[in-house]
Protein backbone atom coordinates (compact mmCIF):
# COMPACT_ATOMS: atom_id res chain seq x y z
CA MET A 1 -14.09 -11.99 13.02
CA ALA A 2 -11.25 -9.49 13.28
CA LEU A 3 -7.82 -8.70 11.98
CA THR A 4 -5.21 -11.34 12.77
CA THR A 5 -1.76 -9.93 13.48
CA GLN A 6 1.50 -11.62 14.37
CA ASN A 7 4.78 -10.86 16.10
CA ALA A 8 6.31 -7.74 14.53
CA ASN A 9 9.67 -9.45 13.99
CA LEU A 10 8.04 -11.95 11.63
CA VAL A 11 6.48 -9.11 9.66
CA TRP A 12 9.79 -7.28 9.37
CA GLN A 13 11.34 -10.48 8.01
CA GLU A 14 8.59 -10.54 5.37
CA VAL A 15 9.28 -6.89 4.53
CA ASN A 16 12.98 -7.65 4.06
CA ILE A 17 12.21 -10.69 1.88
CA ALA A 18 9.78 -8.66 -0.25
CA LEU A 19 12.29 -5.85 -0.73
CA ALA A 20 15.03 -8.36 -1.59
CA ALA A 21 12.74 -9.99 -4.17
CA GLN A 22 12.00 -6.57 -5.70
CA SER A 23 15.75 -5.88 -5.81
CA ALA A 24 16.25 -8.98 -7.91
CA THR A 25 13.75 -7.81 -10.55
CA ALA A 26 14.46 -4.05 -10.63
CA PRO A 27 17.18 -2.96 -13.07
CA GLN A 28 19.02 -0.95 -10.42
CA GLY A 29 17.63 -2.83 -7.43
CA ILE A 30 15.82 -1.25 -4.54
CA PRO A 31 17.62 1.87 -3.32
CA GLN A 32 19.12 1.55 0.15
CA VAL A 33 17.07 4.54 1.27
CA ILE A 34 13.89 2.43 0.96
CA LYS A 35 15.34 -0.28 3.19
CA ASN A 36 16.51 2.42 5.63
CA GLN A 37 13.01 3.94 5.76
CA PHE A 38 11.44 0.62 6.73
CA ALA A 39 14.21 0.03 9.30
CA ALA A 40 13.45 3.46 10.78
CA LEU A 41 9.73 2.64 10.91
CA LYS A 42 10.53 -0.65 12.65
CA ALA A 43 12.68 1.15 15.25
CA HIS A 44 10.02 3.84 15.77
CA LEU A 45 7.23 1.32 16.31
CA ALA A 46 9.39 -0.67 18.71
CA GLN A 47 10.37 2.40 20.73
CA PHE A 48 7.19 4.47 20.73
CA LYS A 49 4.41 1.95 20.12
CA GLY A 50 5.70 -0.94 22.23
CA ASN A 51 6.56 -3.17 19.24
CA PRO A 52 2.91 -3.87 18.29
CA ASN A 53 1.80 -6.99 16.50
CA LEU A 54 1.58 -6.35 12.77
CA ASP A 55 0.50 -7.91 9.51
CA PHE A 56 2.22 -7.97 6.11
CA VAL A 57 -0.34 -7.54 3.31
CA PRO A 58 0.98 -7.87 -0.25
CA PHE A 59 -0.86 -6.68 -3.35
CA VAL A 60 -0.16 -7.34 -7.01
CA SER A 61 -0.75 -5.22 -10.07
CA THR A 62 -3.33 -7.55 -11.61
CA ASP A 63 -5.51 -7.36 -8.48
CA ILE A 64 -5.67 -3.59 -8.14
CA ASP A 65 -6.50 -2.85 -11.79
CA ASN A 66 -9.92 -4.50 -11.83
CA ALA A 67 -13.27 -2.79 -11.53
CA SER A 68 -13.67 -3.01 -7.76
CA GLY A 69 -10.07 -3.09 -6.51
CA ASN A 70 -8.45 -5.54 -4.13
CA VAL A 71 -9.65 -5.98 -0.55
CA ALA A 72 -6.28 -5.82 1.17
CA MET A 73 -7.92 -6.02 4.60
CA GLY A 74 -11.63 -6.55 5.21
CA PHE A 75 -11.53 -5.42 8.84
CA PRO A 76 -10.67 -2.19 10.69
CA CYS A 77 -6.91 -1.72 10.95
CA THR A 78 -4.11 0.82 11.13
CA ILE A 79 -1.67 1.40 8.26
CA TYR A 80 1.93 2.08 9.23
CA GLY A 81 3.76 1.67 5.93
CA VAL A 82 3.15 1.27 2.19
CA PHE A 83 5.54 0.16 -0.55
CA GLY A 84 4.82 0.06 -4.27
CA ARG A 85 6.92 -0.49 -7.38
CA LYS A 86 5.52 0.04 -10.84
CA LEU A 87 6.43 -2.18 -13.75
CA ALA A 88 8.26 -0.88 -16.79
CA THR A 89 5.56 1.32 -18.33
CA ALA A 90 5.25 5.05 -18.71
CA THR A 91 1.47 5.23 -18.15
CA ASP A 92 0.49 7.41 -15.20
CA VAL A 93 -1.18 5.38 -12.46
CA TYR A 94 -2.39 6.41 -9.01
CA LEU A 95 -2.72 3.90 -6.19
CA TYR A 96 -5.66 4.65 -3.91
CA LEU A 97 -6.05 3.15 -0.45
CA ILE A 98 -9.74 3.35 0.31
CA ASP A 99 -11.33 2.99 3.75
CA ASP A 100 -13.79 0.26 2.80
CA ALA A 101 -14.19 -3.44 3.60
CA SER A 102 -15.49 -4.64 0.23
CA ASP A 103 -14.80 -2.54 -2.90
CA ASP A 104 -14.42 0.92 -4.40
CA THR A 105 -18.14 1.39 -5.09
CA GLY A 106 -19.23 4.98 -4.71
CA VAL A 107 -15.73 6.42 -4.75
CA ASP A 108 -15.59 9.85 -6.32
CA ILE A 109 -11.86 10.30 -6.55
CA SER A 110 -12.09 14.08 -6.51
CA ALA A 111 -14.08 14.30 -3.28
CA SER A 112 -14.28 10.90 -1.61
CA SER A 113 -13.90 10.92 2.12
CA ASP A 114 -13.11 7.20 1.87
CA ALA A 115 -9.96 7.66 -0.23
CA ARG A 116 -7.34 8.03 2.51
CA VAL A 117 -4.10 7.71 0.51
CA VAL A 118 -3.25 8.53 -3.12
CA LEU A 119 0.23 7.61 -4.36
CA PRO A 120 1.41 8.61 -7.85
CA PHE A 121 3.37 6.25 -10.12
CA LEU A 122 4.24 8.49 -13.06
CA GLY A 123 7.34 6.94 -14.60
CA SER A 124 8.68 3.59 -15.59
CA GLN A 125 9.99 1.60 -12.58
CA ASP A 126 8.73 4.19 -10.06
CA ILE A 127 9.11 3.21 -6.42
CA VAL A 128 6.85 4.95 -3.91
CA THR A 129 6.63 4.57 -0.14
CA ALA A 130 4.44 6.19 2.48
CA PHE A 131 4.81 6.01 6.23
CA PHE A 132 2.41 6.79 9.04
CA PRO A 133 4.43 6.69 12.29
CA ALA A 134 1.35 7.38 14.43
CA GLY A 135 -0.73 5.04 12.25
CA LEU A 136 -3.42 5.80 9.69
CA VAL A 137 -6.70 4.42 11.00
CA MET A 138 -8.91 2.63 8.49
CA ALA A 139 -12.31 2.31 10.19
CA ALA A 140 -13.82 -0.22 7.76
CA GLY A 141 -10.86 -1.92 6.09
CA VAL A 142 -8.52 -1.30 3.15
CA VAL A 143 -9.27 -1.58 -0.55
CA ALA A 144 -6.28 -1.02 -2.84
CA LYS A 145 -7.33 0.30 -6.27
CA ALA A 146 -5.44 1.88 -9.15
CA TYR A 147 -6.76 4.56 -11.49
CA THR A 148 -5.16 6.40 -14.39
CA MET A 149 -6.31 9.79 -13.13
CA GLY A 150 -5.29 11.68 -10.01
CA ALA A 151 -7.42 13.25 -7.31
CA SER A 152 -8.20 16.31 -9.42
CA SER A 153 -10.25 14.19 -11.82
CA THR A 154 -13.83 13.03 -11.52
CA THR A 155 -13.31 10.26 -14.09
CA LEU A 156 -12.65 6.75 -12.80
CA ASN A 157 -10.42 5.12 -15.40
CA ASP A 158 -9.22 1.58 -14.72
CA PRO A 159 -5.65 0.88 -15.86
CA THR A 160 -4.30 -2.38 -17.19
CA GLY A 161 -2.43 -4.69 -14.81
CA THR A 162 0.88 -4.05 -16.56
CA ASP A 163 0.62 -0.35 -15.68
CA CYS A 164 -0.03 -0.89 -11.96
CA PRO A 165 2.41 -1.30 -9.07
CA ASP A 166 3.09 -4.38 -6.98
CA GLY A 167 3.72 -3.83 -3.29
CA PHE A 168 2.68 -4.34 0.28
CA LEU A 169 1.20 -2.75 3.37
CA VAL A 170 2.41 -3.00 6.94
CA ILE A 171 -0.67 -2.83 9.11
CA GLY A 172 -1.60 -3.30 12.73
CA ASP A 173 -4.61 -3.59 14.99
CA PRO A 174 -7.07 -0.67 14.97
CA LEU A 175 -6.11 2.19 17.28
């Protein structure tokens, strides 16, 4: 079995719907710059990558706080964009995207070669995005997992769901 992607235009519709839904729940809405960043990624992928088929992969705070994380994609893929918005708490949380098809077992957050992306959510209502115009290859899959300590720590502390971000990934076929 392999990753199932769909027409990129359908994925961009899902991105717009997800951002609009976040706008409805955020006190100040989603800043226009976030929408512009995803529009720029869409244009870039259409122009330089031939408008590849993509997949929209949402994640929720209560899935990424647990002991093993959330398997966002259990197959090799390429990450093009990440969006996350933290709920109204001041607890520091770091979202890790781990190159693994099943869980975060064996991750040493200070030295793991499997932890490909670490995004900080340090304030209440933080919004964080990351973009990989050339694509970030995940050889095994993607596990999304939150911890309360950053990459300089060797302690794996699981946060509560209310401290974690909700968000989504825009992924494509493996490169």
